[in-house]
Amino acid sequence: MADRPRIAHVGIAVPDLEAALDFYREVLGVAPRPPEQADGAAIVSLPFGESDVELLAPLTPDGPIARFLARRGPGIHHICYRVADLDEALAACRGAGYRLIDEAPRIGAGGRRIAFVHPKATAGILLELTE
């Protein structure tokens, strides 16, 4: 990968988007982007320079964000790294024996190709990779 990876966003699971957005609007003065939906969650991105904070709220009681909230409560759900070549990064993960949640890229929020690396392979942190 010629380009260095960087943090694309940090995903934060919240039970109530509007309540969570209050802090970002009122205290930090950050204007949220329009909401999106993916993987059974409503997603609102907040720009912070080259990276975003994504607030993730469940839309369905059996989706990944709802399950996360039920197990762990609100908090950091995942970190997303932007890589130059997602297919190459996934091949490197497989070659090094890292467990993948997504063996092949899929389309996520914003229409970007994404794939998740299992937290058991990354010291307990759910990692998302994107281009």
Protein backbone atom coordinates (compact mmCIF):
# COMPACT_ATOMS: atom_id res chain seq x y z
CA MET A 1 0.00 0.00 0.00
CA ALA A 2 1.63 3.21 -1.18
CA ASP A 3 -0.54 5.59 0.83
CA ARG A 4 -0.34 5.44 4.58
CA PRO A 5 -3.49 4.27 6.35
CA ARG A 6 -5.36 6.88 8.36
CA ILE A 7 -8.35 6.96 10.68
CA ALA A 8 -11.50 7.36 8.60
CA HIS A 9 -13.90 7.43 11.56
CA VAL A 10 -14.66 6.21 15.04
CA GLY A 11 -18.06 4.55 15.39
CA ILE A 12 -19.91 5.21 18.65
CA ALA A 13 -23.00 3.18 19.56
CA VAL A 14 -25.76 5.28 21.12
CA PRO A 15 -29.33 4.42 22.09
CA ASP A 16 -30.69 7.84 21.02
CA LEU A 17 -29.17 9.84 18.16
CA GLU A 18 -30.82 13.14 19.00
CA ALA A 19 -29.72 13.03 22.63
CA ALA A 20 -26.17 12.14 21.57
CA LEU A 21 -26.08 14.88 18.93
CA ASP A 22 -26.85 17.58 21.51
CA PHE A 23 -23.28 17.57 22.87
CA TYR A 24 -21.69 17.81 19.42
CA ARG A 25 -24.01 20.65 18.32
CA GLU A 26 -24.28 22.63 21.55
CA VAL A 27 -20.82 22.24 23.06
CA LEU A 28 -18.53 21.60 20.10
CA GLY A 29 -20.50 23.41 17.40
CA VAL A 30 -20.18 20.54 14.95
CA ALA A 31 -22.84 20.29 12.25
CA PRO A 32 -23.85 16.69 11.54
CA ARG A 33 -24.14 15.36 8.04
CA PRO A 34 -27.54 13.95 6.95
CA PRO A 35 -28.37 10.58 8.49
CA GLU A 36 -27.80 7.35 6.57
CA GLN A 37 -28.81 3.76 7.18
CA ALA A 38 -26.65 0.63 7.00
CA ASP A 39 -26.52 -2.72 8.80
CA GLY A 40 -29.72 -2.07 10.77
CA ALA A 41 -28.44 1.24 12.15
CA ALA A 42 -29.06 4.94 11.67
CA ILE A 43 -25.69 6.63 11.17
CA VAL A 44 -24.88 10.31 11.59
CA SER A 45 -21.38 11.46 10.68
CA LEU A 46 -19.73 14.41 12.37
CA PRO A 47 -16.65 15.89 10.65
CA PHE A 48 -13.48 16.36 12.68
CA GLY A 49 -10.74 17.38 10.24
CA GLU A 50 -9.67 14.39 8.14
CA SER A 51 -11.65 11.96 10.32
CA ASP A 52 -15.27 11.64 11.40
CA VAL A 53 -17.14 10.49 14.45
CA GLU A 54 -20.06 8.28 13.45
CA LEU A 55 -22.94 8.00 15.88
CA LEU A 56 -24.68 4.64 15.40
CA ALA A 57 -28.21 4.00 16.70
CA PRO A 58 -30.12 0.75 16.24
CA LEU A 59 -33.04 0.63 13.82
CA THR A 60 -33.85 -3.00 14.56
CA PRO A 61 -33.77 -4.91 17.86
CA ASP A 62 -31.66 -7.72 16.39
CA GLY A 63 -29.05 -5.68 14.48
CA PRO A 64 -25.37 -5.44 15.41
CA ILE A 65 -25.68 -2.06 17.13
CA ALA A 66 -28.69 -3.19 19.19
CA ARG A 67 -26.78 -6.32 20.25
CA PHE A 68 -23.71 -4.23 21.13
CA LEU A 69 -25.79 -1.84 23.26
CA ALA A 70 -27.48 -4.75 25.04
CA ARG A 71 -24.11 -6.37 25.87
CA ARG A 72 -21.89 -3.37 26.54
CA GLY A 73 -24.01 -0.24 26.65
CA PRO A 74 -23.18 2.98 24.79
CA GLY A 75 -19.61 3.60 23.75
CA ILE A 76 -16.99 3.10 21.09
CA HIS A 77 -18.16 0.36 18.74
CA HIS A 78 -15.33 0.36 16.19
CA ILE A 79 -12.46 2.25 14.59
CA CYS A 80 -12.33 2.52 10.82
CA TYR A 81 -9.02 2.80 8.98
CA ARG A 82 -8.83 4.12 5.43
CA VAL A 83 -6.42 2.09 3.32
CA ALA A 84 -5.22 2.60 -0.24
CA ASP A 85 -6.35 -0.83 -1.45
CA LEU A 86 -8.98 -2.75 0.52
CA ASP A 87 -8.50 -5.99 -1.40
CA GLU A 88 -4.76 -5.86 -0.70
CA ALA A 89 -5.36 -5.13 3.00
CA LEU A 90 -7.76 -8.08 3.29
CA ALA A 91 -5.26 -10.36 1.53
CA ALA A 92 -2.59 -9.23 4.01
CA CYS A 93 -4.99 -9.99 6.92
CA ARG A 94 -5.67 -13.47 5.56
CA GLY A 95 -1.97 -14.09 4.92
CA ALA A 96 -1.11 -13.09 8.49
CA GLY A 97 -3.90 -15.27 9.91
CA TYR A 98 -6.20 -12.48 11.13
CA ARG A 99 -9.83 -13.50 11.49
CA LEU A 100 -12.15 -11.51 9.24
CA ILE A 101 -15.84 -10.84 9.69
CA ASP A 102 -16.11 -9.88 6.02
CA GLU A 103 -14.05 -12.14 3.76
CA ALA A 104 -14.86 -9.88 0.81
CA PRO A 105 -15.58 -6.14 0.70
CA ARG A 106 -19.20 -5.00 0.88
CA ILE A 107 -20.88 -1.64 0.54
CA GLY A 108 -21.31 0.37 3.72
CA ALA A 109 -22.44 3.88 4.64
CA GLY A 110 -21.64 6.51 2.06
CA GLY A 111 -21.47 3.83 -0.63
CA ARG A 112 -17.89 2.96 0.36
CA ARG A 113 -16.42 -0.52 0.16
CA ILE A 114 -15.80 -1.81 3.68
CA ALA A 115 -14.79 -4.95 5.56
CA PHE A 116 -14.55 -5.71 9.27
CA VAL A 117 -11.72 -7.49 11.08
CA HIS A 118 -12.85 -9.58 14.07
CA PRO A 119 -11.98 -8.09 17.47
CA LYS A 120 -10.49 -11.41 18.62
CA ALA A 121 -7.76 -10.81 16.04
CA THR A 122 -7.06 -7.21 17.06
CA ALA A 123 -6.71 -7.08 20.85
CA GLY A 124 -10.44 -6.75 21.42
CA ILE A 125 -11.05 -3.81 19.06
CA LEU A 126 -13.53 -4.17 16.19
CA LEU A 127 -11.77 -2.70 13.17
CA GLU A 128 -13.33 -1.60 9.92
CA LEU A 129 -11.26 -1.12 6.79
CA THR A 130 -12.33 1.11 3.92
CA GLU A 131 -10.86 2.77 0.86
